[in-house]
Amino acid sequence: MDFQQTDNGRICKTFKDDCVIRSISIATGKTYRETFEGLMALGLEIGAFPDHDKVWMKYLEDHGFVRNKPPRNAKGKYIKLADWDFKGVAVVINSGHLTVVKDGVCIDSWDCRYRPVNSYWTAA
């Protein structure tokens, strides 16, 4: 899997803990600001921060994404992102971090391909 580095239009350039907003904006094709505002509004409605699992998971579901089980190798072990042969668009949890894979490329602000693919969301 290849890697493409981007902050995807991060509003505050010194803020680095924005993996939820960045990944979801890339996966949905929405702007960073649009995604941030949508997650903030949903967070206020739910009563949690935008990066809380209940908020961003509902946001993805509301935008037509479904959760998938982690891919595993023949021995039943999780596959590292670098070894995952995935085509399409997926928002991926890998060790407490959210990243996005688009057409076989991991798109993130840093290279997290050494981490395993846990659950992931794809458009229905």
C-alpha atoms as a PDB file:
ATOM      1  CA  MET A   1       0.000   0.000   0.000  1.00  0.00           C
ATOM      2  CA  ASP A   2       1.269   3.432  -0.920  1.00  0.00           C
ATOM      3  CA  PHE A   3       1.189   6.491   1.355  1.00  0.00           C
ATOM      4  CA  GLN A   4       0.138  10.072   0.640  1.00  0.00           C
ATOM      5  CA  GLN A   5       0.802  12.744   3.254  1.00  0.00           C
ATOM      6  CA  THR A   6      -1.759  15.524   3.755  1.00  0.00           C
ATOM      7  CA  ASP A   7      -3.394  17.592   6.473  1.00  0.00           C
ATOM      8  CA  ASN A   8      -6.410  17.903   4.125  1.00  0.00           C
ATOM      9  CA  GLY A   9      -6.891  21.599   4.790  1.00  0.00           C
ATOM     10  CA  ARG A  10      -6.523  21.551   8.570  1.00  0.00           C
ATOM     11  CA  ILE A  11      -7.918  24.863   9.827  1.00  0.00           C
ATOM     12  CA  CYS A  12      -5.432  25.356  12.678  1.00  0.00           C
ATOM     13  CA  LYS A  13      -2.037  24.257  11.395  1.00  0.00           C
ATOM     14  CA  THR A  14      -0.639  23.707  14.905  1.00  0.00           C
ATOM     15  CA  PHE A  15      -3.466  21.349  15.919  1.00  0.00           C
ATOM     16  CA  LYS A  16      -2.379  17.787  15.246  1.00  0.00           C
ATOM     17  CA  ASP A  17      -5.011  15.580  16.956  1.00  0.00           C
ATOM     18  CA  ASP A  18      -7.559  15.779  14.147  1.00  0.00           C
ATOM     19  CA  CYS A  19      -7.471  12.289  12.648  1.00  0.00           C
ATOM     20  CA  VAL A  20     -11.261  11.896  12.914  1.00  0.00           C
ATOM     21  CA  ILE A  21     -12.053  15.080  11.004  1.00  0.00           C
ATOM     22  CA  ARG A  22      -9.281  14.626   8.444  1.00  0.00           C
ATOM     23  CA  SER A  23     -10.061  10.989   7.654  1.00  0.00           C
ATOM     24  CA  ILE A  24     -13.811  11.418   7.446  1.00  0.00           C
ATOM     25  CA  SER A  25     -13.538  14.519   5.266  1.00  0.00           C
ATOM     26  CA  ILE A  26     -11.327  12.643   2.795  1.00  0.00           C
ATOM     27  CA  ALA A  27     -13.589   9.580   2.780  1.00  0.00           C
ATOM     28  CA  THR A  28     -16.829  11.537   2.308  1.00  0.00           C
ATOM     29  CA  GLY A  29     -15.399  14.073  -0.131  1.00  0.00           C
ATOM     30  CA  LYS A  30     -16.526  16.941   2.088  1.00  0.00           C
ATOM     31  CA  THR A  31     -14.251  19.817   3.020  1.00  0.00           C
ATOM     32  CA  TYR A  32     -12.392  19.780   6.307  1.00  0.00           C
ATOM     33  CA  ARG A  33     -14.521  22.689   7.585  1.00  0.00           C
ATOM     34  CA  GLU A  34     -17.801  21.070   6.499  1.00  0.00           C
ATOM     35  CA  THR A  35     -16.865  17.821   8.255  1.00  0.00           C
ATOM     36  CA  PHE A  36     -15.666  19.645  11.377  1.00  0.00           C
ATOM     37  CA  GLU A  37     -18.909  21.636  11.606  1.00  0.00           C
ATOM     38  CA  GLY A  38     -21.023  18.509  11.038  1.00  0.00           C
ATOM     39  CA  LEU A  39     -19.189  16.556  13.729  1.00  0.00           C
ATOM     40  CA  MET A  40     -19.414  19.496  16.143  1.00  0.00           C
ATOM     41  CA  ALA A  41     -23.178  19.815  15.610  1.00  0.00           C
ATOM     42  CA  LEU A  42     -23.693  16.088  16.089  1.00  0.00           C
ATOM     43  CA  GLY A  43     -21.438  16.147  19.152  1.00  0.00           C
ATOM     44  CA  LEU A  44     -23.549  18.910  20.690  1.00  0.00           C
ATOM     45  CA  GLU A  45     -26.705  16.930  19.947  1.00  0.00           C
ATOM     46  CA  ILE A  46     -25.288  13.749  21.517  1.00  0.00           C
ATOM     47  CA  GLY A  47     -23.419  15.558  24.302  1.00  0.00           C
ATOM     48  CA  ALA A  48     -19.901  14.381  23.452  1.00  0.00           C
ATOM     49  CA  PHE A  49     -16.766  15.629  21.728  1.00  0.00           C
ATOM     50  CA  PRO A  50     -16.596  15.182  17.930  1.00  0.00           C
ATOM     51  CA  ASP A  51     -13.850  12.565  18.215  1.00  0.00           C
ATOM     52  CA  HIS A  52     -15.852  10.385  20.626  1.00  0.00           C
ATOM     53  CA  ASP A  53     -16.684   7.008  19.074  1.00  0.00           C
ATOM     54  CA  LYS A  54     -20.438   7.534  19.439  1.00  0.00           C
ATOM     55  CA  VAL A  55     -20.239  10.806  17.515  1.00  0.00           C
ATOM     56  CA  TRP A  56     -18.020   9.964  14.574  1.00  0.00           C
ATOM     57  CA  MET A  57     -19.471   6.460  14.131  1.00  0.00           C
ATOM     58  CA  LYS A  58     -22.999   7.915  13.954  1.00  0.00           C
ATOM     59  CA  TYR A  59     -21.753  10.591  11.553  1.00  0.00           C
ATOM     60  CA  LEU A  60     -20.365   7.913   9.245  1.00  0.00           C
ATOM     61  CA  GLU A  61     -23.569   5.859   9.482  1.00  0.00           C
ATOM     62  CA  ASP A  62     -25.633   8.974   8.737  1.00  0.00           C
ATOM     63  CA  HIS A  63     -23.506   9.422   5.603  1.00  0.00           C
ATOM     64  CA  GLY A  64     -24.099   5.881   4.343  1.00  0.00           C
ATOM     65  CA  PHE A  65     -21.049   4.077   5.733  1.00  0.00           C
ATOM     66  CA  VAL A  66     -21.218   0.612   7.274  1.00  0.00           C
ATOM     67  CA  ARG A  67     -18.853  -1.022   9.728  1.00  0.00           C
ATOM     68  CA  ASN A  68     -16.793  -4.031   8.604  1.00  0.00           C
ATOM     69  CA  LYS A  69     -14.910  -6.612  10.627  1.00  0.00           C
ATOM     70  CA  PRO A  70     -11.113  -6.473  10.611  1.00  0.00           C
ATOM     71  CA  PRO A  71      -9.420  -8.337   7.772  1.00  0.00           C
ATOM     72  CA  ARG A  72      -7.270 -11.257   8.956  1.00  0.00           C
ATOM     73  CA  ASN A  73      -4.548 -13.387   7.466  1.00  0.00           C
ATOM     74  CA  ALA A  74      -4.678 -17.190   7.109  1.00  0.00           C
ATOM     75  CA  LYS A  75      -3.558 -17.570  10.748  1.00  0.00           C
ATOM     76  CA  GLY A  76      -6.385 -15.340  11.997  1.00  0.00           C
ATOM     77  CA  LYS A  77      -4.115 -12.390  12.856  1.00  0.00           C
ATOM     78  CA  TYR A  78      -4.912  -8.780  12.006  1.00  0.00           C
ATOM     79  CA  ILE A  79      -3.289  -7.541   8.808  1.00  0.00           C
ATOM     80  CA  LYS A  80      -0.999  -4.509   8.918  1.00  0.00           C
ATOM     81  CA  LEU A  81      -2.249  -1.595   6.881  1.00  0.00           C
ATOM     82  CA  ALA A  82       0.860  -1.821   4.678  1.00  0.00           C
ATOM     83  CA  ASP A  83      -0.098  -5.393   3.711  1.00  0.00           C
ATOM     84  CA  TRP A  84      -3.810  -4.771   3.150  1.00  0.00           C
ATOM     85  CA  ASP A  85      -4.852  -5.070  -0.459  1.00  0.00           C
ATOM     86  CA  PHE A  86      -7.946  -2.875  -0.432  1.00  0.00           C
ATOM     87  CA  LYS A  87      -9.475  -0.979  -3.324  1.00  0.00           C
ATOM     88  CA  GLY A  88     -12.190   1.584  -2.752  1.00  0.00           C
ATOM     89  CA  VAL A  89     -12.645   4.003   0.150  1.00  0.00           C
ATOM     90  CA  ALA A  90     -12.421   2.989   3.800  1.00  0.00           C
ATOM     91  CA  VAL A  91     -12.164   4.819   7.110  1.00  0.00           C
ATOM     92  CA  VAL A  92      -9.899   2.596   9.211  1.00  0.00           C
ATOM     93  CA  ILE A  93      -9.257   2.313  12.939  1.00  0.00           C
ATOM     94  CA  ASN A  94      -5.692   1.229  13.546  1.00  0.00           C
ATOM     95  CA  SER A  95      -4.550   1.197  17.167  1.00  0.00           C
ATOM     96  CA  GLY A  96      -6.728   4.065  18.359  1.00  0.00           C
ATOM     97  CA  HIS A  97      -6.063   6.205  15.290  1.00  0.00           C
ATOM     98  CA  LEU A  98      -8.389   6.926  12.383  1.00  0.00           C
ATOM     99  CA  THR A  99      -6.995   6.959   8.868  1.00  0.00           C
ATOM    100  CA  VAL A 100      -8.394   6.642   5.377  1.00  0.00           C
ATOM    101  CA  VAL A 101      -7.558   4.310   2.514  1.00  0.00           C
ATOM    102  CA  LYS A 102      -8.549   5.359  -0.974  1.00  0.00           C
ATOM    103  CA  ASP A 103      -7.848   3.116  -3.962  1.00  0.00           C
ATOM    104  CA  GLY A 104      -4.919   1.342  -2.312  1.00  0.00           C
ATOM    105  CA  VAL A 105      -3.347   4.490  -0.834  1.00  0.00           C
ATOM    106  CA  CYS A 106      -3.201   5.366   2.874  1.00  0.00           C
ATOM    107  CA  ILE A 107      -3.905   9.112   3.096  1.00  0.00           C
ATOM    108  CA  ASP A 108      -2.909  10.709   6.394  1.00  0.00           C
ATOM    109  CA  SER A 109      -0.720  13.382   7.989  1.00  0.00           C
ATOM    110  CA  TRP A 110       1.786  10.702   9.048  1.00  0.00           C
ATOM    111  CA  ASP A 111       2.671   7.186   7.930  1.00  0.00           C
ATOM    112  CA  CYS A 112       0.669   4.763  10.081  1.00  0.00           C
ATOM    113  CA  ARG A 113       0.911   1.769   7.732  1.00  0.00           C
ATOM    114  CA  TYR A 114       2.880  -0.273  10.289  1.00  0.00           C
ATOM    115  CA  ARG A 115      -0.250  -0.499  12.453  1.00  0.00           C
ATOM    116  CA  PRO A 116      -2.916  -3.214  12.104  1.00  0.00           C
ATOM    117  CA  VAL A 117      -6.246  -2.734  10.348  1.00  0.00           C
ATOM    118  CA  ASN A 118      -8.935  -3.002  12.995  1.00  0.00           C
ATOM    119  CA  SER A 119     -12.550  -2.223  12.168  1.00  0.00           C
ATOM    120  CA  TYR A 120     -13.174  -0.184   9.064  1.00  0.00           C
ATOM    121  CA  TRP A 121     -16.113   1.610   7.460  1.00  0.00           C
ATOM    122  CA  THR A 122     -17.042   1.609   3.785  1.00  0.00           C
ATOM    123  CA  ALA A 123     -19.783   3.353   1.840  1.00  0.00           C
ATOM    124  CA  ALA A 124     -22.843   1.129   1.519  1.00  0.00           C
END
